Amino acid sequence: MPQQFEQAKAAQESAASEQTERVEATQAEAAGDVLDSVLDDIESVLETNAEAYVSSFVQKGGE
């Protein structure tokens, strides 16, 4: 009997581990999509008005 419980426990732990891995993979994919979106936005700004974007970071005298 104890052996049956150990096997059932091992199967549950394995299933939980697989589910955790799937959730982590989904979260990583979502984070990657968000990062790609941000990078696309930055690229778009730089393509249209790179000079104004860069000059907004240039420190002017007395600042």
N, C-alpha and C. Protein backbone atom coordinates (compact mmCIF):
# COMPACT_ATOMS: atom_id res chain seq x y z
N MET A 1 0.80 -1.20 0.00
CA MET A 1 0.00 0.00 0.00
C MET A 1 0.85 1.27 0.00
N PRO A 2 1.85 1.39 0.87
CA PRO A 2 2.64 2.62 0.86
C PRO A 2 3.28 2.89 -0.51
N GLN A 3 3.63 1.82 -1.21
CA GLN A 3 4.25 1.99 -2.52
C GLN A 3 3.27 2.62 -3.50
N GLN A 4 2.00 2.26 -3.42
CA GLN A 4 0.99 2.84 -4.30
C GLN A 4 0.84 4.34 -4.04
N PHE A 5 0.88 4.71 -2.77
CA PHE A 5 0.76 6.13 -2.43
C PHE A 5 1.97 6.91 -2.94
N GLU A 6 3.14 6.30 -2.85
CA GLU A 6 4.36 6.96 -3.34
C GLU A 6 4.28 7.17 -4.85
N GLN A 7 3.78 6.17 -5.57
CA GLN A 7 3.66 6.29 -7.02
C GLN A 7 2.65 7.38 -7.38
N ALA A 8 1.54 7.42 -6.67
CA ALA A 8 0.53 8.44 -6.93
C ALA A 8 1.08 9.84 -6.64
N LYS A 9 1.83 9.94 -5.54
CA LYS A 9 2.42 11.22 -5.17
C LYS A 9 3.43 11.66 -6.23
N ALA A 10 4.24 10.73 -6.71
CA ALA A 10 5.23 11.05 -7.74
C ALA A 10 4.55 11.51 -9.02
N ALA A 11 3.45 10.87 -9.38
CA ALA A 11 2.71 11.24 -10.59
C ALA A 11 2.12 12.64 -10.44
N GLN A 12 1.60 12.97 -9.27
CA GLN A 12 1.04 14.30 -9.03
C GLN A 12 2.13 15.37 -9.09
N GLU A 13 3.27 15.07 -8.50
CA GLU A 13 4.37 16.03 -8.52
C GLU A 13 4.87 16.26 -9.95
N SER A 14 4.91 15.19 -10.73
CA SER A 14 5.34 15.30 -12.12
C SER A 14 4.37 16.16 -12.92
N ALA A 15 3.07 15.94 -12.71
CA ALA A 15 2.06 16.72 -13.42
C ALA A 15 2.14 18.19 -13.01
N ALA A 16 2.35 18.45 -11.74
CA ALA A 16 2.46 19.83 -11.26
C ALA A 16 3.69 20.50 -11.85
N SER A 17 4.78 19.76 -11.95
CA SER A 17 6.01 20.30 -12.52
C SER A 17 5.82 20.65 -13.99
N GLU A 18 5.15 19.77 -14.73
CA GLU A 18 4.90 20.03 -16.15
C GLU A 18 4.01 21.25 -16.33
N GLN A 19 3.01 21.39 -15.47
CA GLN A 19 2.11 22.53 -15.55
C GLN A 19 2.87 23.82 -15.26
N THR A 20 3.73 23.79 -14.27
CA THR A 20 4.54 24.97 -13.93
C THR A 20 5.42 25.36 -15.10
N GLU A 21 6.02 24.38 -15.76
CA GLU A 21 6.88 24.67 -16.91
C GLU A 21 6.08 25.30 -18.05
N ARG A 22 4.86 24.81 -18.27
CA ARG A 22 4.02 25.39 -19.33
C ARG A 22 3.65 26.83 -19.00
N VAL A 23 3.32 27.09 -17.75
CA VAL A 23 2.97 28.45 -17.33
C VAL A 23 4.16 29.37 -17.51
N GLU A 24 5.34 28.93 -17.10
CA GLU A 24 6.54 29.75 -17.23
C GLU A 24 6.85 30.03 -18.70
N ALA A 25 6.67 29.03 -19.55
CA ALA A 25 6.92 29.22 -20.98
C ALA A 25 5.94 30.24 -21.56
N THR A 26 4.69 30.16 -21.15
CA THR A 26 3.68 31.11 -21.63
C THR A 26 4.00 32.52 -21.16
N GLN A 27 4.42 32.66 -19.91
CA GLN A 27 4.77 33.98 -19.38
C GLN A 27 5.99 34.55 -20.10
N ALA A 28 6.97 33.70 -20.39
CA ALA A 28 8.16 34.16 -21.09
C ALA A 28 7.81 34.62 -22.50
N GLU A 29 6.92 33.88 -23.14
CA GLU A 29 6.49 34.26 -24.49
C GLU A 29 5.76 35.59 -24.47
N ALA A 30 4.89 35.79 -23.49
CA ALA A 30 4.16 37.05 -23.36
C ALA A 30 5.11 38.21 -23.11
N ALA A 31 6.10 37.99 -22.25
CA ALA A 31 7.08 39.04 -21.96
C ALA A 31 7.88 39.37 -23.21
N GLY A 32 8.20 38.36 -23.99
CA GLY A 32 8.92 38.57 -25.24
C GLY A 32 8.10 39.39 -26.22
N ASP A 33 6.80 39.13 -26.27
CA ASP A 33 5.92 39.90 -27.15
C ASP A 33 5.86 41.36 -26.73
N VAL A 34 5.79 41.61 -25.43
CA VAL A 34 5.76 42.99 -24.92
C VAL A 34 7.06 43.70 -25.26
N LEU A 35 8.18 43.02 -25.06
CA LEU A 35 9.48 43.61 -25.37
C LEU A 35 9.59 43.93 -26.85
N ASP A 36 9.14 43.02 -27.70
CA ASP A 36 9.16 43.27 -29.14
C ASP A 36 8.33 44.50 -29.50
N SER A 37 7.20 44.65 -28.85
CA SER A 37 6.33 45.80 -29.10
C SER A 37 7.02 47.11 -28.72
N VAL A 38 7.67 47.12 -27.57
CA VAL A 38 8.39 48.32 -27.11
C VAL A 38 9.52 48.65 -28.08
N LEU A 39 10.26 47.64 -28.48
CA LEU A 39 11.37 47.87 -29.42
C LEU A 39 10.85 48.38 -30.77
N ASP A 40 9.72 47.86 -31.22
CA ASP A 40 9.13 48.35 -32.46
C ASP A 40 8.73 49.82 -32.34
N ASP A 41 8.18 50.20 -31.19
CA ASP A 41 7.81 51.60 -30.96
C ASP A 41 9.04 52.50 -31.00
N ILE A 42 10.11 52.07 -30.36
CA ILE A 42 11.35 52.86 -30.35
C ILE A 42 11.90 52.99 -31.77
N GLU A 43 11.90 51.90 -32.49
CA GLU A 43 12.40 51.91 -33.87
C GLU A 43 11.57 52.86 -34.74
N SER A 44 10.27 52.86 -34.54
CA SER A 44 9.39 53.74 -35.30
C SER A 44 9.70 55.21 -35.02
N VAL A 45 9.90 55.54 -33.76
CA VAL A 45 10.23 56.92 -33.39
C VAL A 45 11.56 57.32 -34.01
N LEU A 46 12.54 56.44 -33.95
CA LEU A 46 13.85 56.77 -34.49
C LEU A 46 13.82 56.91 -36.01
N GLU A 47 13.00 56.11 -36.67
CA GLU A 47 12.91 56.21 -38.12
C GLU A 47 12.28 57.53 -38.56
N THR A 48 11.32 58.01 -37.80
CA THR A 48 10.61 59.22 -38.22
C THR A 48 11.29 60.50 -37.76
N ASN A 49 11.91 60.49 -36.58
CA ASN A 49 12.45 61.74 -36.06
C ASN A 49 13.62 61.48 -35.12
N ALA A 50 14.66 60.88 -35.62
CA ALA A 50 15.79 60.51 -34.78
C ALA A 50 16.49 61.73 -34.19
N GLU A 51 16.64 62.78 -34.97
CA GLU A 51 17.36 63.96 -34.49
C GLU A 51 16.66 64.60 -33.30
N ALA A 52 15.35 64.75 -33.38
CA ALA A 52 14.60 65.34 -32.27
C ALA A 52 14.64 64.44 -31.04
N TYR A 53 14.60 63.14 -31.27
CA TYR A 53 14.64 62.19 -30.15
C TYR A 53 15.97 62.30 -29.42
N VAL A 54 17.06 62.32 -30.16
CA VAL A 54 18.39 62.40 -29.55
C VAL A 54 18.60 63.75 -28.89
N SER A 55 18.16 64.82 -29.54
CA SER A 55 18.38 66.16 -28.97
C SER A 55 17.60 66.36 -27.68
N SER A 56 16.55 65.59 -27.46
CA SER A 56 15.80 65.71 -26.20
C SER A 56 16.63 65.22 -25.02
N PHE A 57 17.69 64.47 -25.29
CA PHE A 57 18.55 63.98 -24.22
C PHE A 57 19.82 64.82 -24.05
N VAL A 58 20.05 65.74 -24.97
CA VAL A 58 21.24 66.57 -24.90
C VAL A 58 21.04 67.62 -23.82
N GLN A 59 22.01 67.72 -22.93
CA GLN A 59 21.91 68.67 -21.83
C GLN A 59 22.29 70.06 -22.33
N LYS A 60 21.47 71.00 -22.00
CA LYS A 60 21.73 72.37 -22.40
C LYS A 60 22.44 73.10 -21.26
N GLY A 61 23.13 74.17 -21.58
CA GLY A 61 23.89 74.90 -20.57
C GLY A 61 23.06 75.28 -19.36
N GLY A 62 23.59 75.02 -18.17
CA GLY A 62 22.94 75.39 -16.93
C GLY A 62 21.92 74.39 -16.42
N GLU A 63 21.72 73.30 -17.12
CA GLU A 63 20.75 72.30 -16.65
C GLU A 63 21.41 71.28 -15.76
